Amino acid sequence: EMAIALLLAAAKRLIPADRRIRQHDWRPRGLPFAGAQVDPPEPMVMLDGRTALVLGLGGVGSRVAAVCAALGMAVLATKRSARLGGEGGGSGIEVHPPGALRELLPRADALLVCLPGTE
């Protein structure tokens, strides 16, 4: 849940918006209302159609990947036991071994690290 919350907070620019609201700055930003002037423009990112890269497709990573897919994102993932370019069990998730990370990073719009905290 925290990974998805932080992804949405970054995409929707919640921290800068919160700062402006606390300063009583109510001017529209991001996705403007019809006819509204946005100055300076600070566009929000629409996640639909973007690509998420999930590092670690275990229990947590699988759930994070599923939520990203439900948001309309293409999902790439790394998993220790994956074969190069494999599918994630018919889920539409493109699963790769960790060694493919260098090739996957340029394709990703968002990186979600769901690796275990062990060595």
C-alpha atoms as a PDB file:
ATOM      1  CA  GLU A   1       0.000   0.000   0.000  1.00  0.00           C
ATOM      2  CA  MET A   2       2.813   2.414   0.822  1.00  0.00           C
ATOM      3  CA  ALA A   3       4.475   1.859  -2.561  1.00  0.00           C
ATOM      4  CA  ILE A   4       1.225   2.686  -4.368  1.00  0.00           C
ATOM      5  CA  ALA A   5       0.534   5.668  -2.085  1.00  0.00           C
ATOM      6  CA  LEU A   6       3.972   7.123  -2.830  1.00  0.00           C
ATOM      7  CA  LEU A   7       3.577   6.448  -6.565  1.00  0.00           C
ATOM      8  CA  LEU A   8       0.274   8.350  -6.591  1.00  0.00           C
ATOM      9  CA  ALA A   9       1.684  11.153  -4.413  1.00  0.00           C
ATOM     10  CA  ALA A  10       4.548  11.669  -6.867  1.00  0.00           C
ATOM     11  CA  ALA A  11       2.344  11.433  -9.964  1.00  0.00           C
ATOM     12  CA  LYS A  12      -0.217  13.868  -8.587  1.00  0.00           C
ATOM     13  CA  ARG A  13       2.412  16.208  -7.062  1.00  0.00           C
ATOM     14  CA  LEU A  14       0.808  16.090  -3.618  1.00  0.00           C
ATOM     15  CA  ILE A  15       3.789  17.468  -1.673  1.00  0.00           C
ATOM     16  CA  PRO A  16       4.077  20.700  -3.699  1.00  0.00           C
ATOM     17  CA  ALA A  17       0.267  21.043  -3.694  1.00  0.00           C
ATOM     18  CA  ASP A  18       0.138  20.636   0.091  1.00  0.00           C
ATOM     19  CA  ARG A  19       2.861  23.255   0.525  1.00  0.00           C
ATOM     20  CA  ARG A  20       0.977  25.776  -1.650  1.00  0.00           C
ATOM     21  CA  ILE A  21      -2.340  25.162   0.104  1.00  0.00           C
ATOM     22  CA  ARG A  22      -0.718  25.716   3.515  1.00  0.00           C
ATOM     23  CA  GLN A  23       0.530  29.061   2.150  1.00  0.00           C
ATOM     24  CA  HIS A  24      -3.054  29.914   1.093  1.00  0.00           C
ATOM     25  CA  ASP A  25      -2.150  29.733  -2.607  1.00  0.00           C
ATOM     26  CA  TRP A  26      -5.338  28.501  -4.256  1.00  0.00           C
ATOM     27  CA  ARG A  27      -4.346  29.076  -7.898  1.00  0.00           C
ATOM     28  CA  PRO A  28      -5.036  26.014 -10.090  1.00  0.00           C
ATOM     29  CA  ARG A  29      -2.086  23.811 -10.992  1.00  0.00           C
ATOM     30  CA  GLY A  30      -1.625  20.559 -12.850  1.00  0.00           C
ATOM     31  CA  LEU A  31      -4.681  19.565 -14.830  1.00  0.00           C
ATOM     32  CA  PRO A  32      -6.462  22.910 -15.246  1.00  0.00           C
ATOM     33  CA  PHE A  33     -10.187  23.428 -15.160  1.00  0.00           C
ATOM     34  CA  ALA A  34     -11.727  24.476 -18.473  1.00  0.00           C
ATOM     35  CA  GLY A  35     -10.624  28.026 -19.246  1.00  0.00           C
ATOM     36  CA  ALA A  36      -8.324  28.311 -16.209  1.00  0.00           C
ATOM     37  CA  GLN A  37      -4.838  29.730 -16.618  1.00  0.00           C
ATOM     38  CA  VAL A  38      -2.151  27.579 -15.031  1.00  0.00           C
ATOM     39  CA  ASP A  39       0.920  29.548 -14.013  1.00  0.00           C
ATOM     40  CA  PRO A  40       3.449  28.105 -13.637  1.00  0.00           C
ATOM     41  CA  PRO A  41       2.407  24.807 -15.186  1.00  0.00           C
ATOM     42  CA  GLU A  42       3.019  21.807 -12.928  1.00  0.00           C
ATOM     43  CA  PRO A  43       1.380  18.951 -14.775  1.00  0.00           C
ATOM     44  CA  MET A  44       0.198  15.885 -12.956  1.00  0.00           C
ATOM     45  CA  VAL A  45       1.231  12.586 -14.482  1.00  0.00           C
ATOM     46  CA  MET A  46      -1.528  10.298 -15.692  1.00  0.00           C
ATOM     47  CA  LEU A  47      -0.427   6.736 -14.894  1.00  0.00           C
ATOM     48  CA  ASP A  48      -2.662   5.089 -17.490  1.00  0.00           C
ATOM     49  CA  GLY A  49      -0.440   4.067 -20.391  1.00  0.00           C
ATOM     50  CA  ARG A  50       2.808   4.544 -18.432  1.00  0.00           C
ATOM     51  CA  THR A  51       5.196   1.731 -17.527  1.00  0.00           C
ATOM     52  CA  ALA A  52       5.981   0.521 -14.007  1.00  0.00           C
ATOM     53  CA  LEU A  53       9.064  -1.527 -13.218  1.00  0.00           C
ATOM     54  CA  VAL A  54       8.637  -3.663 -10.091  1.00  0.00           C
ATOM     55  CA  LEU A  55      11.885  -4.981  -8.619  1.00  0.00           C
ATOM     56  CA  GLY A  56      11.074  -8.207  -6.820  1.00  0.00           C
ATOM     57  CA  LEU A  57       7.968 -10.091  -7.882  1.00  0.00           C
ATOM     58  CA  GLY A  58       7.402 -11.955  -4.626  1.00  0.00           C
ATOM     59  CA  GLY A  59       4.323 -11.677  -2.419  1.00  0.00           C
ATOM     60  CA  VAL A  60       4.421  -7.887  -2.028  1.00  0.00           C
ATOM     61  CA  GLY A  61       5.755  -7.175  -5.518  1.00  0.00           C
ATOM     62  CA  SER A  62       3.013  -9.266  -7.127  1.00  0.00           C
ATOM     63  CA  ARG A  63       0.331  -7.245  -5.375  1.00  0.00           C
ATOM     64  CA  VAL A  64       2.003  -3.938  -6.263  1.00  0.00           C
ATOM     65  CA  ALA A  65       2.253  -5.088  -9.894  1.00  0.00           C
ATOM     66  CA  ALA A  66      -1.444  -6.030  -9.910  1.00  0.00           C
ATOM     67  CA  VAL A  67      -2.468  -2.575  -8.658  1.00  0.00           C
ATOM     68  CA  CYS A  68      -0.244  -0.882 -11.244  1.00  0.00           C
ATOM     69  CA  ALA A  69      -1.868  -2.988 -13.965  1.00  0.00           C
ATOM     70  CA  ALA A  70      -5.318  -2.058 -12.602  1.00  0.00           C
ATOM     71  CA  LEU A  71      -4.321   1.616 -12.944  1.00  0.00           C
ATOM     72  CA  GLY A  72      -3.719   0.988 -16.640  1.00  0.00           C
ATOM     73  CA  MET A  73       0.052   0.749 -16.456  1.00  0.00           C
ATOM     74  CA  ALA A  74       2.177  -1.679 -18.415  1.00  0.00           C
ATOM     75  CA  VAL A  75       4.150  -3.681 -15.863  1.00  0.00           C
ATOM     76  CA  LEU A  76       7.708  -4.957 -16.113  1.00  0.00           C
ATOM     77  CA  ALA A  77       9.136  -6.938 -13.208  1.00  0.00           C
ATOM     78  CA  THR A  78      12.255  -8.714 -12.052  1.00  0.00           C
ATOM     79  CA  LYS A  79      12.216 -12.054 -10.293  1.00  0.00           C
ATOM     80  CA  ARG A  80      15.139 -14.273  -9.322  1.00  0.00           C
ATOM     81  CA  SER A  81      13.625 -17.384 -10.891  1.00  0.00           C
ATOM     82  CA  ALA A  82      12.493 -15.669 -14.120  1.00  0.00           C
ATOM     83  CA  ARG A  83      13.652 -16.508 -17.606  1.00  0.00           C
ATOM     84  CA  LEU A  84      14.434 -13.634 -19.960  1.00  0.00           C
ATOM     85  CA  GLY A  85      11.284 -12.062 -21.447  1.00  0.00           C
ATOM     86  CA  GLY A  86       8.825 -14.391 -19.748  1.00  0.00           C
ATOM     87  CA  GLU A  87       5.190 -13.635 -18.907  1.00  0.00           C
ATOM     88  CA  GLY A  88       3.923 -13.528 -15.340  1.00  0.00           C
ATOM     89  CA  GLY A  89       1.552 -16.478 -15.443  1.00  0.00           C
ATOM     90  CA  GLY A  90      -0.830 -14.957 -17.980  1.00  0.00           C
ATOM     91  CA  SER A  91      -1.169 -11.763 -15.925  1.00  0.00           C
ATOM     92  CA  GLY A  92       0.252  -9.510 -18.630  1.00  0.00           C
ATOM     93  CA  ILE A  93       3.256  -8.732 -16.450  1.00  0.00           C
ATOM     94  CA  GLU A  94       6.528  -8.972 -18.342  1.00  0.00           C
ATOM     95  CA  VAL A  95       8.886 -10.856 -15.994  1.00  0.00           C
ATOM     96  CA  HIS A  96      12.674 -10.761 -16.349  1.00  0.00           C
ATOM     97  CA  PRO A  97      15.688 -11.996 -14.369  1.00  0.00           C
ATOM     98  CA  PRO A  98      17.496  -9.405 -12.224  1.00  0.00           C
ATOM     99  CA  GLY A  99      20.353  -9.307 -14.736  1.00  0.00           C
ATOM    100  CA  ALA A 100      18.044  -7.571 -17.249  1.00  0.00           C
ATOM    101  CA  LEU A 101      17.682  -4.484 -15.029  1.00  0.00           C
ATOM    102  CA  ARG A 102      20.015  -2.334 -17.134  1.00  0.00           C
ATOM    103  CA  GLU A 103      17.842  -2.939 -20.225  1.00  0.00           C
ATOM    104  CA  LEU A 104      14.557  -2.483 -18.340  1.00  0.00           C
ATOM    105  CA  LEU A 105      15.276   0.855 -16.634  1.00  0.00           C
ATOM    106  CA  PRO A 106      15.078   3.008 -19.798  1.00  0.00           C
ATOM    107  CA  ARG A 107      11.624   1.544 -20.521  1.00  0.00           C
ATOM    108  CA  ALA A 108      10.209   2.454 -17.082  1.00  0.00           C
ATOM    109  CA  ASP A 109       8.342   5.593 -16.057  1.00  0.00           C
ATOM    110  CA  ALA A 110       8.149   4.485 -12.408  1.00  0.00           C
ATOM    111  CA  LEU A 111      10.395   2.209 -10.340  1.00  0.00           C
ATOM    112  CA  LEU A 112       8.911   0.331  -7.372  1.00  0.00           C
ATOM    113  CA  VAL A 113      11.395  -1.542  -5.192  1.00  0.00           C
ATOM    114  CA  CYS A 114       9.747  -4.547  -3.524  1.00  0.00           C
ATOM    115  CA  LEU A 115      12.860  -6.494  -2.637  1.00  0.00           C
ATOM    116  CA  PRO A 116      13.227  -8.323   0.670  1.00  0.00           C
ATOM    117  CA  GLY A 117      15.320  -6.630   3.336  1.00  0.00           C
ATOM    118  CA  THR A 118      17.599  -9.656   3.588  1.00  0.00           C
ATOM    119  CA  GLU A 119      20.982 -10.381   2.057  1.00  0.00           C
END
